[in-house]
Amino acid sequence: MSERPEDNKPQEEKEPYTPASPVKRILAWVGVVYMVLLVGLNLYPFFHGGAYLTGVAPLFACPGIAGLLIIALYTLRQPDETYSKKASMVVLALVCAVGLGVSLVLGIPPLLEGLGG
């Protein structure tokens, strides 16, 4: 039995598996939350007589703001970051917390009204 020429080729070495960084995983989860929100918003009229939810746009800022807040807090906890970067992450975390609160205050009442609650 003759050997095929491709059997004699050396195997290509593959790079070892390296998992995604925590920041990439946070961004991936933010994307998952946005997709769930979009699917829910698009399916809502099918189950509620064709009526759309209105006034819930501020709620769509919440996943992005929360993701940015988590990234800021994660970066803040890293011991090898400079003090100036840590200070800017504190400011970013405060701005994100305020923005998240404002978005929730503006978005939850129209959501509850639209859901009939």
Protein backbone atom coordinates (compact mmCIF):
# COMPACT_ATOMS: atom_id res chain seq x y z
CA MET A 1 0.00 0.00 0.00
CA SER A 2 1.48 3.33 -0.98
CA GLU A 3 1.39 6.28 1.36
CA ARG A 4 -0.25 9.45 0.18
CA PRO A 5 2.00 12.52 -0.02
CA GLU A 6 -0.24 14.52 2.30
CA ASP A 7 0.30 11.96 5.06
CA ASN A 8 3.99 12.82 5.19
CA LYS A 9 3.43 16.56 5.74
CA PRO A 10 4.19 17.78 9.24
CA GLN A 11 1.20 18.88 11.25
CA GLU A 12 0.73 22.63 11.47
CA GLU A 13 1.23 23.81 15.01
CA LYS A 14 -1.83 25.51 16.38
CA GLU A 15 -1.64 28.40 18.80
CA PRO A 16 -2.73 27.46 22.30
CA TYR A 17 -6.22 28.50 23.35
CA THR A 18 -6.34 31.85 25.08
CA PRO A 19 -9.69 32.89 26.51
CA ALA A 20 -11.13 36.33 25.81
CA SER A 21 -10.23 39.13 28.16
CA PRO A 22 -12.77 40.15 30.80
CA VAL A 23 -13.47 43.39 28.93
CA LYS A 24 -14.34 41.46 25.77
CA ARG A 25 -16.61 39.18 27.77
CA ILE A 26 -18.37 42.17 29.34
CA LEU A 27 -18.94 43.66 25.89
CA ALA A 28 -20.25 40.33 24.63
CA TRP A 29 -22.80 40.16 27.45
CA VAL A 30 -23.88 43.74 26.70
CA GLY A 31 -24.50 42.62 23.12
CA VAL A 32 -26.53 39.63 24.33
CA VAL A 33 -28.69 41.92 26.49
CA TYR A 34 -29.27 44.28 23.55
CA MET A 35 -30.35 41.38 21.34
CA VAL A 36 -32.80 40.12 24.00
CA LEU A 37 -34.24 43.64 24.33
CA LEU A 38 -34.60 44.04 20.57
CA VAL A 39 -36.28 40.66 20.16
CA GLY A 40 -38.63 41.40 23.04
CA LEU A 41 -39.48 44.82 21.68
CA ASN A 42 -40.19 43.40 18.24
CA LEU A 43 -42.30 40.51 19.56
CA TYR A 44 -44.35 42.64 21.95
CA PRO A 45 -46.92 43.83 19.33
CA PHE A 46 -47.71 40.24 18.30
CA PHE A 47 -48.96 39.41 21.78
CA HIS A 48 -50.58 42.73 22.73
CA GLY A 49 -52.96 43.56 19.92
CA GLY A 50 -50.46 45.27 17.63
CA ALA A 51 -49.67 48.08 20.08
CA TYR A 52 -46.04 49.10 20.36
CA LEU A 53 -44.26 50.12 23.53
CA THR A 54 -43.54 53.84 23.42
CA GLY A 55 -41.28 55.94 25.60
CA VAL A 56 -38.87 53.14 26.46
CA ALA A 57 -35.91 54.54 24.54
CA PRO A 58 -34.01 55.54 27.71
CA LEU A 59 -34.02 51.89 28.77
CA PHE A 60 -32.00 51.01 25.69
CA ALA A 61 -29.12 53.10 26.99
CA CYS A 62 -28.99 51.08 30.22
CA PRO A 63 -27.08 48.00 28.98
CA GLY A 64 -24.38 50.12 27.36
CA ILE A 65 -24.05 52.38 30.38
CA ALA A 66 -23.99 49.40 32.75
CA GLY A 67 -21.34 47.69 30.62
CA LEU A 68 -19.20 50.83 30.64
CA LEU A 69 -19.67 51.10 34.41
CA ILE A 70 -18.54 47.50 34.91
CA ILE A 71 -15.52 48.02 32.67
CA ALA A 72 -14.59 51.16 34.64
CA LEU A 73 -14.87 49.28 37.94
CA TYR A 74 -12.88 46.35 36.54
CA THR A 75 -10.12 48.69 35.34
CA LEU A 76 -10.17 50.49 38.67
CA ARG A 77 -9.45 47.23 40.51
CA GLN A 78 -6.36 46.40 38.42
CA PRO A 79 -3.25 46.92 40.57
CA ASP A 80 -0.90 47.77 37.70
CA GLU A 81 -2.86 50.79 36.39
CA THR A 82 -1.55 54.32 36.83
CA TYR A 83 -3.13 56.71 39.31
CA SER A 84 -4.31 59.02 36.54
CA LYS A 85 -6.12 56.14 34.82
CA LYS A 86 -7.67 55.07 38.11
CA ALA A 87 -8.85 58.64 38.75
CA SER A 88 -10.42 58.83 35.32
CA MET A 89 -12.14 55.48 35.90
CA VAL A 90 -13.61 56.82 39.16
CA VAL A 91 -15.02 59.81 37.29
CA LEU A 92 -16.31 57.57 34.50
CA ALA A 93 -17.94 55.23 37.03
CA LEU A 94 -19.70 58.17 38.72
CA VAL A 95 -20.93 59.54 35.39
CA CYS A 96 -22.15 56.07 34.37
CA ALA A 97 -23.95 55.59 37.70
CA VAL A 98 -25.74 58.91 37.30
CA GLY A 99 -26.56 58.16 33.66
CA LEU A 100 -27.88 54.73 34.56
CA GLY A 101 -30.09 56.21 37.26
CA VAL A 102 -31.47 58.89 34.94
CA SER A 103 -32.14 56.35 32.19
CA LEU A 104 -34.00 54.07 34.59
CA VAL A 105 -36.05 56.96 36.04
CA LEU A 106 -37.02 58.12 32.54
CA GLY A 107 -37.65 54.67 31.08
CA ILE A 108 -39.40 52.61 33.72
CA PRO A 109 -42.65 54.64 34.05
CA PRO A 110 -43.46 54.43 30.30
CA LEU A 111 -42.59 50.72 30.37
CA LEU A 112 -44.95 50.07 33.25
CA GLU A 113 -47.65 52.14 31.56
CA GLY A 114 -47.20 50.21 28.32
CA LEU A 115 -47.30 46.86 30.11
CA GLY A 116 -50.46 47.89 31.92
CA GLY A 117 -48.98 47.95 35.39
